Amino acid sequence: MSDNWNFYMDELEEHLASFVVDLDVTEEVNVKKYKWLFSVSIAIKNPTELGFPEEQEDELIGEWEYNLMERLNDEDIIQVGRLTTNGTREFFYYAKKEKHSKIIEQHALAIFEKNGYKTEISYIEEEEPWSFYYEFLYPNTYQFQHMSNRELVEVLENEKDHLEEPRKIEH
């Protein structure tokens, strides 16, 4: 798992979707060893009109996600991303062995169901290893541009730039 996580928004099945992905995970681990893809899905208790959790619920889920990520990393299971859409948050993990599903289930239920969240653990079958990561989670060129634009605006805001002033932009 790398430190290079980022997010982008898109539409998925006619709903707004937020994707968070580890952009450099394939540079950090030997992907040939991680052949099993699993997801942990929870139903958001109080989704907004857009299908996302309210701020307080989002912070709690984020804490639990981090706790689960650390527990699973200790078991050599890596989180590669998450998706939030239509009242659901889904976390994606690659593991070295099929039997790791039991470890994922044990830890996920201990964290999420203990806190009253309906939790579902699934195996995601791939034709090619890591195709889900590259074809579904990983941002395309257009999404990368949006991420880059957002980061630039954040830098300008932090520098107290007047964003209202017109300027020439070259791509």
N, C-alpha and C. Protein backbone atom coordinates (compact mmCIF):
# COMPACT_ATOMS: atom_id res chain seq x y z
N MET A 1 0.84 -1.17 0.00
CA MET A 1 0.00 0.00 0.00
C MET A 1 0.89 1.24 0.00
N SER A 2 0.58 2.17 -0.90
CA SER A 2 1.40 3.37 -1.01
C SER A 2 0.77 4.53 -0.24
N ASP A 3 1.45 5.64 -0.24
CA ASP A 3 0.92 6.86 0.37
C ASP A 3 0.24 7.76 -0.67
N ASN A 4 0.20 7.31 -1.92
CA ASN A 4 -0.35 8.13 -2.99
C ASN A 4 -1.81 7.75 -3.27
N TRP A 5 -2.68 8.20 -2.38
CA TRP A 5 -4.12 8.00 -2.55
C TRP A 5 -4.72 9.29 -3.08
N ASN A 6 -5.74 9.16 -3.93
CA ASN A 6 -6.43 10.33 -4.44
C ASN A 6 -7.87 9.95 -4.74
N PHE A 7 -8.70 10.94 -5.05
CA PHE A 7 -10.11 10.65 -5.33
C PHE A 7 -10.58 11.40 -6.56
N TYR A 8 -11.66 10.89 -7.12
CA TYR A 8 -12.33 11.56 -8.22
C TYR A 8 -13.81 11.22 -8.18
N MET A 9 -14.59 12.03 -8.83
CA MET A 9 -16.04 11.82 -8.91
C MET A 9 -16.38 11.37 -10.31
N ASP A 10 -17.42 10.56 -10.40
CA ASP A 10 -17.90 10.09 -11.69
C ASP A 10 -19.37 9.71 -11.53
N GLU A 11 -19.95 9.24 -12.60
CA GLU A 11 -21.32 8.75 -12.54
C GLU A 11 -21.28 7.24 -12.72
N LEU A 12 -22.07 6.53 -11.91
CA LEU A 12 -22.12 5.08 -11.97
C LEU A 12 -23.58 4.67 -11.86
N GLU A 13 -24.07 4.03 -12.89
CA GLU A 13 -25.47 3.59 -12.94
C GLU A 13 -26.43 4.73 -12.58
N GLU A 14 -26.19 5.88 -13.20
CA GLU A 14 -27.01 7.09 -13.07
C GLU A 14 -26.99 7.71 -11.67
N HIS A 15 -25.95 7.39 -10.90
CA HIS A 15 -25.77 7.98 -9.57
C HIS A 15 -24.37 8.58 -9.48
N LEU A 16 -24.25 9.67 -8.73
CA LEU A 16 -22.94 10.26 -8.48
C LEU A 16 -22.12 9.28 -7.66
N ALA A 17 -20.86 9.12 -8.01
CA ALA A 17 -20.00 8.16 -7.32
C ALA A 17 -18.66 8.81 -6.99
N SER A 18 -18.18 8.50 -5.79
CA SER A 18 -16.87 8.96 -5.34
C SER A 18 -15.93 7.76 -5.30
N PHE A 19 -14.84 7.86 -6.04
CA PHE A 19 -13.82 6.81 -6.07
C PHE A 19 -12.59 7.30 -5.34
N VAL A 20 -12.06 6.50 -4.44
CA VAL A 20 -10.80 6.77 -3.76
C VAL A 20 -9.90 5.59 -4.10
N VAL A 21 -8.69 5.88 -4.59
CA VAL A 21 -7.84 4.80 -5.07
C VAL A 21 -6.38 5.05 -4.70
N ASP A 22 -5.70 3.94 -4.41
CA ASP A 22 -4.26 3.97 -4.17
C ASP A 22 -3.60 3.94 -5.55
N LEU A 23 -3.07 5.07 -5.98
CA LEU A 23 -2.55 5.20 -7.34
C LEU A 23 -1.23 4.47 -7.57
N ASP A 24 -0.49 4.21 -6.51
CA ASP A 24 0.83 3.60 -6.67
C ASP A 24 0.95 2.21 -6.05
N VAL A 25 -0.15 1.59 -5.72
CA VAL A 25 -0.08 0.29 -5.05
C VAL A 25 0.68 -0.74 -5.89
N THR A 26 0.55 -0.67 -7.21
CA THR A 26 1.21 -1.66 -8.06
C THR A 26 2.72 -1.47 -8.11
N GLU A 27 3.19 -0.32 -7.65
CA GLU A 27 4.63 -0.08 -7.54
C GLU A 27 5.18 -0.51 -6.18
N GLU A 28 4.28 -0.72 -5.22
CA GLU A 28 4.67 -1.03 -3.86
C GLU A 28 4.64 -2.53 -3.55
N VAL A 29 3.78 -3.27 -4.24
CA VAL A 29 3.64 -4.70 -3.96
C VAL A 29 3.83 -5.50 -5.24
N ASN A 30 4.14 -6.77 -5.09
CA ASN A 30 4.23 -7.67 -6.22
C ASN A 30 2.81 -8.16 -6.54
N VAL A 31 2.20 -7.54 -7.54
CA VAL A 31 0.79 -7.83 -7.83
C VAL A 31 0.56 -9.28 -8.24
N LYS A 32 1.59 -9.95 -8.73
CA LYS A 32 1.44 -11.36 -9.13
C LYS A 32 1.11 -12.25 -7.93
N LYS A 33 1.46 -11.79 -6.74
CA LYS A 33 1.19 -12.57 -5.53
C LYS A 33 -0.22 -12.34 -4.98
N TYR A 34 -0.85 -11.23 -5.36
CA TYR A 34 -2.18 -10.89 -4.86
C TYR A 34 -3.21 -11.16 -5.96
N LYS A 35 -3.79 -12.34 -5.92
CA LYS A 35 -4.66 -12.78 -7.01
C LYS A 35 -6.14 -12.81 -6.66
N TRP A 36 -6.47 -12.55 -5.41
CA TRP A 36 -7.85 -12.66 -4.95
C TRP A 36 -8.39 -11.28 -4.59
N LEU A 37 -9.50 -10.89 -5.21
CA LEU A 37 -10.10 -9.59 -4.98
C LEU A 37 -11.39 -9.75 -4.19
N PHE A 38 -11.48 -9.00 -3.09
CA PHE A 38 -12.66 -9.04 -2.24
C PHE A 38 -13.17 -7.64 -2.00
N SER A 39 -14.45 -7.56 -1.69
CA SER A 39 -15.02 -6.27 -1.32
C SER A 39 -15.77 -6.40 0.00
N VAL A 40 -15.77 -5.30 0.73
CA VAL A 40 -16.57 -5.17 1.94
C VAL A 40 -17.50 -4.01 1.68
N SER A 41 -18.79 -4.27 1.75
CA SER A 41 -19.77 -3.25 1.44
C SER A 41 -20.63 -2.97 2.67
N ILE A 42 -20.86 -1.69 2.93
CA ILE A 42 -21.75 -1.32 4.03
C ILE A 42 -22.82 -0.36 3.51
N ALA A 43 -23.99 -0.42 4.12
CA ALA A 43 -25.06 0.51 3.81
C ALA A 43 -24.90 1.73 4.70
N ILE A 44 -24.86 2.90 4.10
CA ILE A 44 -24.76 4.15 4.84
C ILE A 44 -26.08 4.36 5.57
N LYS A 45 -26.03 4.70 6.84
CA LYS A 45 -27.25 4.81 7.65
C LYS A 45 -28.11 6.01 7.26
N ASN A 46 -27.48 7.16 7.05
CA ASN A 46 -28.23 8.39 6.75
C ASN A 46 -27.64 9.07 5.53
N PRO A 47 -27.84 8.50 4.34
CA PRO A 47 -27.24 9.11 3.15
C PRO A 47 -27.90 10.45 2.80
N THR A 48 -27.07 11.33 2.24
CA THR A 48 -27.58 12.60 1.74
C THR A 48 -28.37 12.33 0.46
N GLU A 49 -28.94 13.38 -0.13
CA GLU A 49 -29.67 13.25 -1.39
C GLU A 49 -28.78 12.66 -2.48
N LEU A 50 -27.47 12.93 -2.39
CA LEU A 50 -26.53 12.44 -3.39
C LEU A 50 -26.06 11.01 -3.11
N GLY A 51 -26.47 10.45 -1.95
CA GLY A 51 -26.10 9.07 -1.63
C GLY A 51 -24.82 8.93 -0.83
N PHE A 52 -24.30 10.04 -0.31
CA PHE A 52 -23.07 10.03 0.48
C PHE A 52 -23.42 10.19 1.96
N PRO A 53 -22.51 9.77 2.85
CA PRO A 53 -22.79 9.96 4.28
C PRO A 53 -22.64 11.42 4.69
N GLU A 54 -23.40 11.81 5.71
CA GLU A 54 -23.23 13.13 6.32
C GLU A 54 -21.83 13.20 6.91
N GLU A 55 -21.35 14.40 7.22
CA GLU A 55 -19.96 14.59 7.67
C GLU A 55 -19.60 13.74 8.89
N GLN A 56 -20.44 13.72 9.91
CA GLN A 56 -20.13 12.98 11.13
C GLN A 56 -20.05 11.47 10.85
N GLU A 57 -21.00 10.95 10.10
CA GLU A 57 -20.98 9.53 9.76
C GLU A 57 -19.78 9.21 8.89
N ASP A 58 -19.45 10.10 7.98
CA ASP A 58 -18.29 9.90 7.10
C ASP A 58 -17.01 9.80 7.92
N GLU A 59 -16.87 10.65 8.92
CA GLU A 59 -15.67 10.61 9.77
C GLU A 59 -15.58 9.30 10.54
N LEU A 60 -16.71 8.82 11.07
CA LEU A 60 -16.71 7.55 11.79
C LEU A 60 -16.35 6.39 10.87
N ILE A 61 -16.97 6.34 9.71
CA ILE A 61 -16.68 5.28 8.75
C ILE A 61 -15.21 5.34 8.35
N GLY A 62 -14.69 6.55 8.17
CA GLY A 62 -13.27 6.71 7.83
C GLY A 62 -12.35 6.15 8.90
N GLU A 63 -12.67 6.38 10.15
CA GLU A 63 -11.87 5.82 11.25
C GLU A 63 -11.92 4.29 11.23
N TRP A 64 -13.10 3.75 11.03
CA TRP A 64 -13.25 2.29 11.00
C TRP A 64 -12.54 1.70 9.79
N GLU A 65 -12.62 2.41 8.65
CA GLU A 65 -11.93 1.95 7.45
C GLU A 65 -10.43 1.86 7.71
N TYR A 66 -9.88 2.88 8.33
CA TYR A 66 -8.45 2.89 8.62
C TYR A 66 -8.08 1.75 9.58
N ASN A 67 -8.91 1.54 10.58
CA ASN A 67 -8.70 0.44 11.52
C ASN A 67 -8.70 -0.90 10.78
N LEU A 68 -9.67 -1.09 9.90
CA LEU A 68 -9.75 -2.33 9.13
C LEU A 68 -8.54 -2.47 8.21
N MET A 69 -8.14 -1.38 7.57
CA MET A 69 -6.99 -1.41 6.67
C MET A 69 -5.73 -1.85 7.42
N GLU A 70 -5.53 -1.30 8.61
CA GLU A 70 -4.36 -1.69 9.40
C GLU A 70 -4.41 -3.15 9.81
N ARG A 71 -5.56 -3.61 10.25
CA ARG A 71 -5.70 -5.02 10.65
C ARG A 71 -5.42 -5.95 9.48
N LEU A 72 -5.96 -5.60 8.32
CA LEU A 72 -5.78 -6.46 7.15
C LEU A 72 -4.36 -6.39 6.62
N ASN A 73 -3.73 -5.23 6.69
CA ASN A 73 -2.32 -5.13 6.29
C ASN A 73 -1.46 -6.08 7.12
N ASP A 74 -1.77 -6.19 8.40
CA ASP A 74 -1.04 -7.11 9.26
C ASP A 74 -1.21 -8.56 8.81
N GLU A 75 -2.29 -8.83 8.07
CA GLU A 75 -2.57 -10.18 7.56
C GLU A 75 -2.12 -10.32 6.10
N ASP A 76 -1.41 -9.32 5.58
CA ASP A 76 -0.91 -9.30 4.21
C ASP A 76 -2.05 -9.22 3.18
N ILE A 77 -3.05 -8.43 3.53
CA ILE A 77 -4.19 -8.15 2.64
C ILE A 77 -4.18 -6.64 2.43
N ILE A 78 -4.24 -6.20 1.17
CA ILE A 78 -4.07 -4.77 0.88
C ILE A 78 -5.34 -4.13 0.33
N GLN A 79 -5.64 -2.96 0.86
CA GLN A 79 -6.75 -2.18 0.34
C GLN A 79 -6.24 -1.37 -0.85
N VAL A 80 -7.02 -1.38 -1.94
CA VAL A 80 -6.61 -0.65 -3.14
C VAL A 80 -7.55 0.50 -3.48
N GLY A 81 -8.73 0.54 -2.85
CA GLY A 81 -9.64 1.62 -3.14
C GLY A 81 -10.96 1.47 -2.44
N ARG A 82 -11.82 2.46 -2.70
CA ARG A 82 -13.18 2.39 -2.18
C ARG A 82 -14.10 3.18 -3.11
N LEU A 83 -15.36 2.87 -3.01
CA LEU A 83 -16.38 3.50 -3.83
C LEU A 83 -17.55 3.87 -2.93
N THR A 84 -18.04 5.10 -3.08
CA THR A 84 -19.23 5.52 -2.36
C THR A 84 -20.24 5.99 -3.41
N THR A 85 -21.42 5.38 -3.39
CA THR A 85 -22.47 5.76 -4.32
C THR A 85 -23.81 5.22 -3.84
N ASN A 86 -24.85 5.98 -4.08
CA ASN A 86 -26.22 5.51 -3.88
C ASN A 86 -26.45 4.87 -2.51
N GLY A 87 -25.90 5.48 -1.45
CA GLY A 87 -26.14 4.99 -0.10
C GLY A 87 -25.31 3.80 0.33
N THR A 88 -24.24 3.52 -0.43
CA THR A 88 -23.38 2.38 -0.12
C THR A 88 -21.92 2.80 -0.18
N ARG A 89 -21.13 2.25 0.72
CA ARG A 89 -19.67 2.42 0.65
C ARG A 89 -19.08 1.02 0.53
N GLU A 90 -18.19 0.87 -0.45
CA GLU A 90 -17.58 -0.43 -0.71
C GLU A 90 -16.06 -0.28 -0.72
N PHE A 91 -15.39 -1.17 0.01
CA PHE A 91 -13.94 -1.17 0.13
C PHE A 91 -13.40 -2.37 -0.64
N PHE A 92 -12.26 -2.20 -1.34
CA PHE A 92 -11.72 -3.26 -2.19
C PHE A 92 -10.34 -3.68 -1.71
N TYR A 93 -10.16 -4.99 -1.61
CA TYR A 93 -8.92 -5.58 -1.08
C TYR A 93 -8.42 -6.69 -1.98
N TYR A 94 -7.10 -6.74 -2.15
CA TYR A 94 -6.46 -7.88 -2.81
C TYR A 94 -5.75 -8.70 -1.74
N ALA A 95 -5.86 -10.03 -1.91
CA ALA A 95 -5.25 -10.97 -0.96
C ALA A 95 -4.47 -12.03 -1.74
N LYS A 96 -3.59 -12.69 -1.03
CA LYS A 96 -2.76 -13.72 -1.65
C LYS A 96 -3.47 -15.06 -1.75
N LYS A 97 -4.45 -15.29 -0.87
CA LYS A 97 -5.10 -16.60 -0.83
C LYS A 97 -6.61 -16.43 -0.72
N GLU A 98 -7.31 -17.39 -1.29
CA GLU A 98 -8.77 -17.36 -1.23
C GLU A 98 -9.26 -17.42 0.22
N LYS A 99 -8.56 -18.18 1.05
CA LYS A 99 -8.99 -18.33 2.43
C LYS A 99 -8.89 -17.02 3.23
N HIS A 100 -8.23 -16.02 2.67
CA HIS A 100 -8.18 -14.72 3.33
C HIS A 100 -9.56 -14.07 3.45
N SER A 101 -10.52 -14.56 2.68
CA SER A 101 -11.88 -14.02 2.78
C SER A 101 -12.41 -14.16 4.20
N LYS A 102 -12.06 -15.24 4.88
CA LYS A 102 -12.50 -15.45 6.27
C LYS A 102 -11.90 -14.40 7.20
N ILE A 103 -10.63 -14.05 6.97
CA ILE A 103 -9.97 -13.02 7.78
C ILE A 103 -10.62 -11.67 7.54
N ILE A 104 -10.89 -11.36 6.27
CA ILE A 104 -11.55 -10.10 5.92
C ILE A 104 -12.91 -10.04 6.59
N GLU A 105 -13.66 -11.12 6.48
CA GLU A 105 -15.00 -11.16 7.07
C GLU A 105 -14.93 -10.98 8.59
N GLN A 106 -14.02 -11.69 9.23
CA GLN A 106 -13.89 -11.61 10.69
C GLN A 106 -13.62 -10.17 11.14
N HIS A 107 -12.67 -9.52 10.53
CA HIS A 107 -12.31 -8.16 10.93
C HIS A 107 -13.38 -7.14 10.54
N ALA A 108 -13.94 -7.27 9.33
CA ALA A 108 -14.95 -6.32 8.88
C ALA A 108 -16.20 -6.40 9.76
N LEU A 109 -16.63 -7.60 10.07
CA LEU A 109 -17.82 -7.75 10.91
C LEU A 109 -17.54 -7.21 12.32
N ALA A 110 -16.33 -7.47 12.82
CA ALA A 110 -15.97 -6.99 14.16
C ALA A 110 -16.01 -5.47 14.23
N ILE A 111 -15.71 -4.82 13.13
CA ILE A 111 -15.68 -3.35 13.13
C ILE A 111 -17.04 -2.76 12.75
N PHE A 112 -17.57 -3.15 11.60
CA PHE A 112 -18.78 -2.49 11.09
C PHE A 112 -20.06 -3.00 11.74
N GLU A 113 -20.23 -4.30 11.81
CA GLU A 113 -21.47 -4.81 12.39
C GLU A 113 -21.55 -4.51 13.88
N LYS A 114 -20.40 -4.47 14.53
CA LYS A 114 -20.37 -4.09 15.95
C LYS A 114 -20.94 -2.68 16.13
N ASN A 115 -20.78 -1.85 15.12
CA ASN A 115 -21.28 -0.48 15.15
C ASN A 115 -22.62 -0.32 14.45
N GLY A 116 -23.30 -1.44 14.20
CA GLY A 116 -24.66 -1.39 13.68
C GLY A 116 -24.79 -1.24 12.18
N TYR A 117 -23.74 -1.55 11.43
CA TYR A 117 -23.80 -1.43 9.97
C TYR A 117 -23.97 -2.81 9.32
N LYS A 118 -24.96 -2.90 8.45
CA LYS A 118 -25.15 -4.11 7.67
C LYS A 118 -23.93 -4.24 6.75
N THR A 119 -23.26 -5.38 6.80
CA THR A 119 -21.99 -5.57 6.10
C THR A 119 -22.07 -6.80 5.20
N GLU A 120 -21.55 -6.64 3.98
CA GLU A 120 -21.53 -7.76 3.04
C GLU A 120 -20.11 -7.92 2.50
N ILE A 121 -19.60 -9.14 2.55
CA ILE A 121 -18.27 -9.44 2.03
C ILE A 121 -18.45 -10.28 0.77
N SER A 122 -17.77 -9.89 -0.32
CA SER A 122 -17.92 -10.58 -1.60
C SER A 122 -16.57 -10.85 -2.24
N TYR A 123 -16.53 -11.92 -3.01
CA TYR A 123 -15.39 -12.20 -3.87
C TYR A 123 -15.72 -11.63 -5.24
N ILE A 124 -14.79 -10.92 -5.84
CA ILE A 124 -14.99 -10.36 -7.18
C ILE A 124 -14.11 -11.14 -8.14
N GLU A 125 -14.74 -11.82 -9.07
CA GLU A 125 -14.00 -12.63 -10.03
C GLU A 125 -13.50 -11.74 -11.17
N GLU A 126 -12.24 -11.94 -11.53
CA GLU A 126 -11.62 -11.18 -12.61
C GLU A 126 -11.15 -12.14 -13.70
N GLU A 127 -11.30 -11.72 -14.95
CA GLU A 127 -10.74 -12.52 -16.05
C GLU A 127 -9.22 -12.49 -16.01
N GLU A 128 -8.68 -11.32 -15.76
CA GLU A 128 -7.23 -11.13 -15.63
C GLU A 128 -6.98 -10.52 -14.25
N PRO A 129 -5.95 -11.00 -13.56
CA PRO A 129 -5.65 -10.40 -12.26
C PRO A 129 -5.42 -8.89 -12.38
N TRP A 130 -6.01 -8.18 -11.48
CA TRP A 130 -5.91 -6.72 -11.38
C TRP A 130 -6.67 -5.95 -12.46
N SER A 131 -7.48 -6.64 -13.26
CA SER A 131 -8.25 -5.93 -14.28
C SER A 131 -9.29 -5.01 -13.64
N PHE A 132 -9.87 -5.42 -12.53
CA PHE A 132 -10.83 -4.57 -11.82
C PHE A 132 -10.17 -3.27 -11.39
N TYR A 133 -8.98 -3.38 -10.84
CA TYR A 133 -8.25 -2.19 -10.38
C TYR A 133 -8.00 -1.24 -11.55
N TYR A 134 -7.46 -1.77 -12.64
CA TYR A 134 -7.08 -0.90 -13.77
C TYR A 134 -8.28 -0.43 -14.60
N GLU A 135 -9.30 -1.25 -14.72
CA GLU A 135 -10.42 -0.91 -15.60
C GLU A 135 -11.59 -0.25 -14.89
N PHE A 136 -11.67 -0.41 -13.58
CA PHE A 136 -12.81 0.16 -12.85
C PHE A 136 -12.38 1.24 -11.86
N LEU A 137 -11.43 0.93 -11.00
CA LEU A 137 -11.04 1.88 -9.95
C LEU A 137 -10.09 2.98 -10.44
N TYR A 138 -9.10 2.60 -11.22
CA TYR A 138 -8.04 3.52 -11.61
C TYR A 138 -8.59 4.61 -12.54
N PRO A 139 -8.26 5.87 -12.26
CA PRO A 139 -8.82 6.96 -13.07
C PRO A 139 -8.30 6.97 -14.51
N ASN A 140 -9.18 7.39 -15.40
CA ASN A 140 -8.76 7.55 -16.79
C ASN A 140 -8.11 8.92 -16.97
N THR A 141 -7.70 9.24 -18.18
CA THR A 141 -6.99 10.50 -18.45
C THR A 141 -7.82 11.71 -18.05
N TYR A 142 -9.10 11.68 -18.36
CA TYR A 142 -10.00 12.78 -18.04
C TYR A 142 -10.11 12.96 -16.52
N GLN A 143 -10.25 11.85 -15.80
CA GLN A 143 -10.37 11.91 -14.34
C GLN A 143 -9.06 12.39 -13.70
N PHE A 144 -7.93 11.95 -14.28
CA PHE A 144 -6.63 12.44 -13.79
C PHE A 144 -6.53 13.96 -13.96
N GLN A 145 -7.04 14.48 -15.08
CA GLN A 145 -7.02 15.93 -15.31
C GLN A 145 -7.83 16.65 -14.25
N HIS A 146 -9.01 16.12 -13.93
CA HIS A 146 -9.84 16.72 -12.88
C HIS A 146 -9.12 16.72 -11.53
N MET A 147 -8.45 15.60 -11.22
CA MET A 147 -7.71 15.51 -9.96
C MET A 147 -6.60 16.55 -9.93
N SER A 148 -5.90 16.68 -11.03
CA SER A 148 -4.81 17.65 -11.12
C SER A 148 -5.34 19.08 -10.99
N ASN A 149 -6.45 19.36 -11.65
CA ASN A 149 -7.06 20.70 -11.57
C ASN A 149 -7.48 21.01 -10.14
N ARG A 150 -8.08 20.04 -9.46
CA ARG A 150 -8.52 20.23 -8.08
C ARG A 150 -7.31 20.52 -7.18
N GLU A 151 -6.24 19.78 -7.37
CA GLU A 151 -5.04 19.98 -6.56
C GLU A 151 -4.43 21.36 -6.81
N LEU A 152 -4.44 21.80 -8.06
CA LEU A 152 -3.91 23.13 -8.39
C LEU A 152 -4.74 24.22 -7.72
N VAL A 153 -6.06 24.10 -7.78
CA VAL A 153 -6.93 25.09 -7.13
C VAL A 153 -6.67 25.12 -5.62
N GLU A 154 -6.47 23.94 -5.00
CA GLU A 154 -6.17 23.89 -3.57
C GLU A 154 -4.86 24.62 -3.25
N VAL A 155 -3.85 24.44 -4.09
CA VAL A 155 -2.58 25.13 -3.89
C VAL A 155 -2.78 26.64 -4.01
N LEU A 156 -3.50 27.06 -5.04
CA LEU A 156 -3.74 28.49 -5.23
C LEU A 156 -4.52 29.09 -4.05
N GLU A 157 -5.53 28.36 -3.56
CA GLU A 157 -6.29 28.84 -2.41
C GLU A 157 -5.40 28.96 -1.17
N ASN A 158 -4.54 27.99 -0.97
CA ASN A 158 -3.62 28.03 0.18
C ASN A 158 -2.64 29.20 0.09
N GLU A 159 -2.34 29.62 -1.13
CA GLU A 159 -1.44 30.75 -1.35
C GLU A 159 -2.20 32.08 -1.39
N LYS A 160 -3.50 32.02 -1.05
CA LYS A 160 -4.36 33.21 -1.02
C LYS A 160 -4.49 33.86 -2.39
N ASP A 161 -4.45 33.05 -3.42
CA ASP A 161 -4.60 33.54 -4.79
C ASP A 161 -6.05 33.97 -5.01
N HIS A 162 -6.24 34.98 -5.84
CA HIS A 162 -7.59 35.43 -6.20
C HIS A 162 -8.05 34.62 -7.40
N LEU A 163 -8.81 33.59 -7.14
CA LEU A 163 -9.22 32.66 -8.19
C LEU A 163 -10.20 33.27 -9.19
N GLU A 164 -10.78 34.41 -8.83
CA GLU A 164 -11.75 35.05 -9.72
C GLU A 164 -11.08 35.74 -10.91
N GLU A 165 -9.79 36.05 -10.78
CA GLU A 165 -9.09 36.76 -11.84
C GLU A 165 -8.86 35.82 -13.03
N PRO A 166 -9.26 36.28 -14.25
CA PRO A 166 -9.05 35.45 -15.43
C PRO A 166 -7.53 35.24 -15.68
N ARG A 167 -7.20 34.10 -16.21
CA ARG A 167 -5.79 33.79 -16.54
C ARG A 167 -5.75 32.81 -17.70
N LYS A 168 -4.66 32.83 -18.39
CA LYS A 168 -4.47 31.93 -19.50
C LYS A 168 -4.02 30.57 -18.97
N ILE A 169 -4.65 29.52 -19.45
CA ILE A 169 -4.31 28.16 -19.03
C ILE A 169 -3.95 27.34 -20.26
N GLU A 170 -2.81 26.68 -20.19
CA GLU A 170 -2.39 25.82 -21.29
C GLU A 170 -2.30 24.40 -20.80
N HIS A 171 -2.82 23.47 -21.60
CA HIS A 171 -2.76 22.04 -21.26
C HIS A 171 -1.80 21.35 -22.19
